[in-house]
Amino acid sequence: MKTASKGVANSDTFPFGGENHTTVTALRFFSLTFTQLQEQRHFADYNPAKDLAHTDALTQVKSAEEVFTMWQSIRNEQIAQAYLVSLIVKHRG
């Protein structure tokens, strides 16, 4: 998931050319935020001695809410659907 999301977030490795700029921007933002939230969750899971500040937790929840609200506007786009597939199918090449 992390590799697929980073590939979409990076303009050099973005796998979808010639797409609507607004959709591409939203998908990149979604994938970048998804990766950041996943890394933060892993940190919280594997560092139980480290307390998470209440404000940090609220910021992360707000980010998740915003990005999933934004997802509603692109979820039916072909590149959004291809991104979802890339999350579960490992690229071999």
Protein backbone atom coordinates (compact mmCIF):
# COMPACT_ATOMS: atom_id res chain seq x y z
CA MET A 1 0.00 0.00 0.00
CA LYS A 2 2.74 2.40 0.94
CA THR A 3 4.67 1.77 -2.29
CA ALA A 4 1.59 2.23 -4.46
CA SER A 5 0.63 5.42 -2.64
CA LYS A 6 4.11 6.88 -2.86
CA GLY A 7 4.18 6.10 -6.59
CA VAL A 8 0.99 8.06 -7.09
CA ALA A 9 2.12 10.96 -4.89
CA ASN A 10 5.44 11.35 -6.73
CA SER A 11 5.17 13.26 -10.02
CA ASP A 12 8.17 11.34 -11.44
CA THR A 13 6.56 7.94 -10.92
CA PHE A 14 2.89 8.89 -11.35
CA PRO A 15 1.43 6.02 -13.40
CA PHE A 16 -1.48 7.87 -15.01
CA GLY A 17 -0.70 10.32 -17.80
CA GLY A 18 -3.04 12.66 -19.63
CA GLU A 19 -5.69 12.79 -16.90
CA ASN A 20 -7.77 15.68 -15.57
CA HIS A 21 -5.50 17.97 -13.52
CA THR A 22 -8.03 18.40 -10.71
CA THR A 23 -8.49 14.64 -10.37
CA VAL A 24 -4.74 14.04 -10.44
CA THR A 25 -4.15 16.68 -7.77
CA ALA A 26 -6.86 15.20 -5.55
CA LEU A 27 -5.56 11.65 -6.01
CA ARG A 28 -1.99 12.72 -5.21
CA PHE A 29 -3.20 14.52 -2.08
CA PHE A 30 -5.23 11.48 -1.06
CA SER A 31 -2.33 9.06 -1.54
CA LEU A 32 0.15 11.32 0.28
CA THR A 33 -2.21 11.82 3.22
CA PHE A 34 -3.03 8.10 3.29
CA THR A 35 0.69 7.27 3.49
CA GLN A 36 1.30 9.81 6.25
CA LEU A 37 -1.65 8.58 8.31
CA GLN A 38 -0.54 4.96 7.86
CA GLU A 39 3.00 5.81 9.03
CA GLN A 40 1.61 7.69 12.04
CA ARG A 41 -0.64 4.74 12.92
CA HIS A 42 2.31 2.33 12.69
CA PHE A 43 4.35 4.59 14.94
CA ALA A 44 1.54 4.70 17.51
CA ASP A 45 1.04 0.92 17.32
CA TYR A 46 4.70 0.01 17.79
CA ASN A 47 5.76 2.69 20.26
CA PRO A 48 3.37 2.19 23.18
CA ALA A 49 5.66 4.01 25.59
CA LYS A 50 5.31 7.19 23.51
CA ASP A 51 2.18 9.14 24.40
CA LEU A 52 0.29 10.81 21.58
CA ALA A 53 -0.80 14.33 22.38
CA HIS A 54 -4.53 14.89 22.24
CA THR A 55 -4.08 17.71 19.71
CA ASP A 56 -1.96 15.45 17.46
CA ALA A 57 -4.62 12.76 17.55
CA LEU A 58 -7.33 15.29 16.68
CA THR A 59 -5.22 16.63 13.81
CA GLN A 60 -4.83 13.13 12.40
CA VAL A 61 -8.55 12.41 12.70
CA LYS A 62 -9.33 15.73 10.98
CA SER A 63 -6.92 14.84 8.16
CA ALA A 64 -8.62 11.49 7.69
CA GLU A 65 -12.06 13.10 7.64
CA GLU A 66 -10.96 15.70 5.08
CA VAL A 67 -9.28 13.24 2.76
CA PHE A 68 -12.18 10.78 2.77
CA THR A 69 -14.63 13.62 2.14
CA MET A 70 -12.47 14.67 -0.81
CA TRP A 71 -12.34 11.02 -1.99
CA GLN A 72 -16.08 11.21 -2.65
CA SER A 73 -15.41 13.64 -5.51
CA ILE A 74 -12.97 11.33 -7.34
CA ARG A 75 -13.95 7.82 -6.31
CA ASN A 76 -15.68 7.03 -9.62
CA GLU A 77 -12.82 8.29 -11.78
CA GLN A 78 -10.89 5.60 -13.65
CA ILE A 79 -7.55 6.58 -12.11
CA ALA A 80 -9.03 6.44 -8.60
CA GLN A 81 -10.29 2.93 -9.29
CA ALA A 82 -6.88 1.95 -10.70
CA TYR A 83 -5.25 3.36 -7.55
CA LEU A 84 -7.47 1.14 -5.40
CA VAL A 85 -6.45 -1.90 -7.43
CA SER A 86 -2.78 -0.92 -7.05
CA LEU A 87 -3.21 -1.03 -3.28
CA ILE A 88 -3.98 -4.74 -3.33
CA VAL A 89 -2.09 -5.96 -6.41
CA LYS A 90 1.67 -5.86 -6.21
CA HIS A 91 3.34 -4.50 -9.34
CA ARG A 92 5.83 -6.94 -10.82
CA GLY A 93 8.15 -5.46 -13.30
